[in-house]
PDB file of N, CA and C in Angstrom:
ATOM      1  N   UNK A   1       0.848  -1.403  -0.169  1.00  0.00           N
ATOM      2  CA  UNK A   1      -0.132   0.080  -0.325  1.00  0.00           C
ATOM      3  C   UNK A   1       0.818   1.184  -0.016  1.00  0.00           C
ATOM      4  N   UNK A   2       1.048   2.163  -0.748  1.00  0.00           N
ATOM      5  CA  UNK A   2       1.405   3.225  -0.996  1.00  0.00           C
ATOM      6  C   UNK A   2       0.533   4.286  -0.517  1.00  0.00           C
ATOM      7  N   UNK A   3       0.579   4.877   0.495  1.00  0.00           N
ATOM      8  CA  UNK A   3       0.236   6.004   1.481  1.00  0.00           C
ATOM      9  C   UNK A   3       0.988   6.937   1.859  1.00  0.00           C
ATOM     10  N   UNK A   4       0.931   8.391   2.072  1.00  0.00           N
ATOM     11  CA  UNK A   4       1.623   9.162   2.837  1.00  0.00           C
ATOM     12  C   UNK A   4       1.500   8.925   4.606  1.00  0.00           C
ATOM     13  N   UNK A   5       2.250   9.470   5.295  1.00  0.00           N
ATOM     14  CA  UNK A   5       2.298   8.771   6.671  1.00  0.00           C
ATOM     15  C   UNK A   5       2.480  10.411   7.425  1.00  0.00           C
ATOM     16  N   UNK A   6       1.857  10.651   8.646  1.00  0.00           N
ATOM     17  CA  UNK A   6       1.901  11.555   9.052  1.00  0.00           C
ATOM     18  C   UNK A   6       2.041  11.498  10.692  1.00  0.00           C
ATOM     19  N   UNK A   7       3.319  11.743  11.457  1.00  0.00           N
ATOM     20  CA  UNK A   7       3.549  11.985  12.696  1.00  0.00           C
ATOM     21  C   UNK A   7       3.010  12.822  13.677  1.00  0.00           C
ATOM     22  N   UNK A   8       2.477  12.856  14.443  1.00  0.00           N
ATOM     23  CA  UNK A   8       2.127  14.308  15.594  1.00  0.00           C
ATOM     24  C   UNK A   8       2.916  13.906  16.964  1.00  0.00           C
ATOM     25  N   UNK A   9       3.760  14.685  17.441  1.00  0.00           N
ATOM     26  CA  UNK A   9       4.327  14.543  18.682  1.00  0.00           C
ATOM     27  C   UNK A   9       3.821  15.836  19.498  1.00  0.00           C
ATOM     28  N   UNK A  10       2.707  15.591  20.414  1.00  0.00           N
ATOM     29  CA  UNK A  10       2.304  16.472  21.208  1.00  0.00           C
ATOM     30  C   UNK A  10       2.896  16.909  22.399  1.00  0.00           C
ATOM     31  N   UNK A  11       2.906  18.258  22.977  1.00  0.00           N
ATOM     32  CA  UNK A  11       3.302  18.633  24.168  1.00  0.00           C
ATOM     33  C   UNK A  11       2.498  19.817  24.443  1.00  0.00           C
ATOM     34  N   UNK A  12       2.554  20.100  25.577  1.00  0.00           N
ATOM     35  CA  UNK A  12       1.520  21.097  26.345  1.00  0.00           C
ATOM     36  C   UNK A  12       1.892  22.339  25.334  1.00  0.00           C
ATOM     37  N   UNK A  13       3.137  22.782  24.935  1.00  0.00           N
ATOM     38  CA  UNK A  13       3.316  24.247  24.301  1.00  0.00           C
ATOM     39  C   UNK A  13       3.846  23.995  22.999  1.00  0.00           C
ATOM     40  N   UNK A  14       3.490  22.955  22.477  1.00  0.00           N
ATOM     41  CA  UNK A  14       3.764  22.714  20.749  1.00  0.00           C
ATOM     42  C   UNK A  14       3.645  21.521  20.322  1.00  0.00           C
ATOM     43  N   UNK A  15       3.197  21.333  19.121  1.00  0.00           N
ATOM     44  CA  UNK A  15       2.716  20.066  18.154  1.00  0.00           C
ATOM     45  C   UNK A  15       3.840  19.957  17.004  1.00  0.00           C
ATOM     46  N   UNK A  16       4.938  19.037  17.220  1.00  0.00           N
ATOM     47  CA  UNK A  16       5.471  18.644  16.255  1.00  0.00           C
ATOM     48  C   UNK A  16       5.118  17.790  14.851  1.00  0.00           C
ATOM     49  N   UNK A  17       5.371  17.934  13.984  1.00  0.00           N
ATOM     50  CA  UNK A  17       4.764  17.484  12.774  1.00  0.00           C
ATOM     51  C   UNK A  17       5.562  16.643  11.476  1.00  0.00           C
ATOM     52  N   UNK A  18       5.674  15.607  11.255  1.00  0.00           N
ATOM     53  CA  UNK A  18       6.555  15.196  10.143  1.00  0.00           C
ATOM     54  C   UNK A  18       5.470  14.598   9.150  1.00  0.00           C
ATOM     55  N   UNK A  19       5.627  15.192   8.105  1.00  0.00           N
ATOM     56  CA  UNK A  19       4.841  14.211   6.811  1.00  0.00           C
ATOM     57  C   UNK A  19       5.876  13.657   6.092  1.00  0.00           C
ATOM     58  N   UNK A  20       5.743  12.033   5.775  1.00  0.00           N
ATOM     59  CA  UNK A  20       6.505  11.413   4.921  1.00  0.00           C
ATOM     60  C   UNK A  20       5.991  10.865   3.691  1.00  0.00           C
ATOM     61  N   UNK A  21       6.368  10.867   2.453  1.00  0.00           N
ATOM     62  CA  UNK A  21       5.538  10.771   1.235  1.00  0.00           C
ATOM     63  C   UNK A  21       5.640   8.932   0.997  1.00  0.00           C
ATOM     64  N   UNK A  22       5.071   8.928  -0.226  1.00  0.00           N
ATOM     65  CA  UNK A  22       4.647   7.364  -0.224  1.00  0.00           C
ATOM     66  C   UNK A  22       5.777   6.155  -0.062  1.00  0.00           C
ATOM     67  N   UNK A  23       6.950   6.882  -0.565  1.00  0.00           N
ATOM     68  CA  UNK A  23       8.294   5.766  -0.118  1.00  0.00           C
ATOM     69  C   UNK A  23       8.502   6.112   1.265  1.00  0.00           C
ATOM     70  N   UNK A  24       8.073   6.462   1.784  1.00  0.00           N
ATOM     71  CA  UNK A  24       8.414   6.664   3.497  1.00  0.00           C
ATOM     72  C   UNK A  24      10.090   7.339   3.744  1.00  0.00           C
ATOM     73  N   UNK A  25      10.514   7.722   2.745  1.00  0.00           N
ATOM     74  CA  UNK A  25      11.715   8.355   2.757  1.00  0.00           C
ATOM     75  C   UNK A  25      12.226   9.489   2.400  1.00  0.00           C
ATOM     76  N   UNK A  26      10.753  10.240   1.780  1.00  0.00           N
ATOM     77  CA  UNK A  26      10.884  11.145   1.102  1.00  0.00           C
ATOM     78  C   UNK A  26       9.925  12.101   2.575  1.00  0.00           C
ATOM     79  N   UNK A  27      10.642  13.438   2.947  1.00  0.00           N
ATOM     80  CA  UNK A  27       9.978  13.893   4.011  1.00  0.00           C
ATOM     81  C   UNK A  27       9.259  15.625   3.311  1.00  0.00           C
ATOM     82  N   UNK A  28       7.879  15.046   3.253  1.00  0.00           N
ATOM     83  CA  UNK A  28       7.142  16.430   2.341  1.00  0.00           C
ATOM     84  C   UNK A  28       7.209  17.506   3.300  1.00  0.00           C
ATOM     85  N   UNK A  29       7.351  17.467   4.441  1.00  0.00           N
ATOM     86  CA  UNK A  29       6.774  18.320   5.588  1.00  0.00           C
ATOM     87  C   UNK A  29       7.415  18.117   6.926  1.00  0.00           C
ATOM     88  N   UNK A  30       8.008  19.221   8.114  1.00  0.00           N
ATOM     89  CA  UNK A  30       8.782  18.896   8.991  1.00  0.00           C
ATOM     90  C   UNK A  30       8.259  20.119   9.665  1.00  0.00           C
ATOM     91  N   UNK A  31       7.916  20.431  10.740  1.00  0.00           N
ATOM     92  CA  UNK A  31       7.745  21.836  11.492  1.00  0.00           C
ATOM     93  C   UNK A  31       6.914  21.737  12.598  1.00  0.00           C
ATOM     94  N   UNK A  32       6.789  22.779  13.298  1.00  0.00           N
ATOM     95  CA  UNK A  32       6.359  22.857  14.903  1.00  0.00           C
ATOM     96  C   UNK A  32       5.194  23.920  14.986  1.00  0.00           C
ATOM     97  N   UNK A  33       4.320  23.527  15.440  1.00  0.00           N
ATOM     98  CA  UNK A  33       2.955  24.494  15.565  1.00  0.00           C
ATOM     99  C   UNK A  33       2.856  25.129  17.181  1.00  0.00           C
ATOM    100  N   UNK A  34       2.111  26.127  17.328  1.00  0.00           N
ATOM    101  CA  UNK A  34       1.766  26.239  18.571  1.00  0.00           C
ATOM    102  C   UNK A  34       0.492  25.744  19.185  1.00  0.00           C
ATOM    103  N   UNK A  35      -0.047  25.583  19.947  1.00  0.00           N
ATOM    104  CA  UNK A  35      -1.119  25.010  20.716  1.00  0.00           C
ATOM    105  C   UNK A  35      -2.288  26.163  21.019  1.00  0.00           C
ATOM    106  N   UNK A  36      -2.361  27.063  20.599  1.00  0.00           N
ATOM    107  CA  UNK A  36      -3.202  28.103  20.234  1.00  0.00           C
ATOM    108  C   UNK A  36      -4.287  28.095  18.890  1.00  0.00           C
ATOM    109  N   UNK A  37      -5.292  28.313  18.806  1.00  0.00           N
ATOM    110  CA  UNK A  37      -6.304  28.134  17.726  1.00  0.00           C
ATOM    111  C   UNK A  37      -5.861  28.538  16.584  1.00  0.00           C
ATOM    112  N   UNK A  38      -5.081  29.827  16.243  1.00  0.00           N
ATOM    113  CA  UNK A  38      -4.533  30.044  15.243  1.00  0.00           C
ATOM    114  C   UNK A  38      -3.408  29.012  14.703  1.00  0.00           C
ATOM    115  N   UNK A  39      -2.644  28.932  15.643  1.00  0.00           N
ATOM    116  CA  UNK A  39      -1.487  28.042  15.108  1.00  0.00           C
ATOM    117  C   UNK A  39      -1.947  26.500  14.729  1.00  0.00           C
ATOM    118  N   UNK A  40      -2.904  25.604  15.522  1.00  0.00           N
ATOM    119  CA  UNK A  40      -3.652  24.844  15.009  1.00  0.00           C
ATOM    120  C   UNK A  40      -4.305  24.354  14.029  1.00  0.00           C
ATOM    121  N   UNK A  41      -4.735  25.794  13.495  1.00  0.00           N
ATOM    122  CA  UNK A  41      -5.546  26.306  12.077  1.00  0.00           C
ATOM    123  C   UNK A  41      -4.501  26.243  10.967  1.00  0.00           C
ATOM    124  N   UNK A  42      -3.321  26.706  11.537  1.00  0.00           N
ATOM    125  CA  UNK A  42      -2.227  26.431  10.371  1.00  0.00           C
ATOM    126  C   UNK A  42      -1.711  25.018  10.348  1.00  0.00           C
ATOM    127  N   UNK A  43      -1.564  23.882  11.304  1.00  0.00           N
ATOM    128  CA  UNK A  43      -1.537  22.832  11.538  1.00  0.00           C
ATOM    129  C   UNK A  43      -2.513  21.906  10.355  1.00  0.00           C
ATOM    130  N   UNK A  44      -4.085  22.355  10.749  1.00  0.00           N
ATOM    131  CA  UNK A  44      -5.184  21.367   9.948  1.00  0.00           C
ATOM    132  C   UNK A  44      -4.894  22.080   8.242  1.00  0.00           C
ATOM    133  N   UNK A  45      -4.535  23.332   7.915  1.00  0.00           N
ATOM    134  CA  UNK A  45      -4.221  23.538   6.560  1.00  0.00           C
ATOM    135  C   UNK A  45      -2.918  22.854   5.949  1.00  0.00           C
ATOM    136  N   UNK A  46      -2.240  22.881   6.957  1.00  0.00           N
ATOM    137  CA  UNK A  46      -0.749  21.744   6.480  1.00  0.00           C
ATOM    138  C   UNK A  46      -1.238  20.534   5.917  1.00  0.00           C
ATOM    139  N   UNK A  47      -1.933  19.980   6.880  1.00  0.00           N
ATOM    140  CA  UNK A  47      -2.113  18.566   6.746  1.00  0.00           C
ATOM    141  C   UNK A  47      -3.185  18.205   5.409  1.00  0.00           C
ATOM    142  N   UNK A  48      -3.879  19.272   5.369  1.00  0.00           N
ATOM    143  CA  UNK A  48      -5.049  18.973   4.172  1.00  0.00           C
ATOM    144  C   UNK A  48      -4.001  19.108   2.916  1.00  0.00           C
ATOM    145  N   UNK A  49      -3.131  20.218   3.050  1.00  0.00           N
ATOM    146  CA  UNK A  49      -2.572  20.437   1.859  1.00  0.00           C
ATOM    147  C   UNK A  49      -1.989  19.354   1.490  1.00  0.00           C
ATOM    148  N   UNK A  50      -1.230  18.365   2.547  1.00  0.00           N
ATOM    149  CA  UNK A  50      -0.426  17.372   2.216  1.00  0.00           C
ATOM    150  C   UNK A  50      -1.199  16.126   1.661  1.00  0.00           C
ATOM    151  N   UNK A  51      -2.659  16.029   2.010  1.00  0.00           N
ATOM    152  CA  UNK A  51      -3.494  15.165   1.765  1.00  0.00           C
ATOM    153  C   UNK A  51      -3.177  13.989   2.652  1.00  0.00           C
TER     154      UNK A  51
END
């Protein structure tokens, strides 16, 4: 099965996100988001944009 993968590491002051491509070796996105609504909205947008 060739699907993308996303890992989230959730802390009280931030969410770290890594999105891997279909081959699991290509990093499509890697970054950190805050825990307030505007930052979580950015995380949501990033997840949607990367399928």
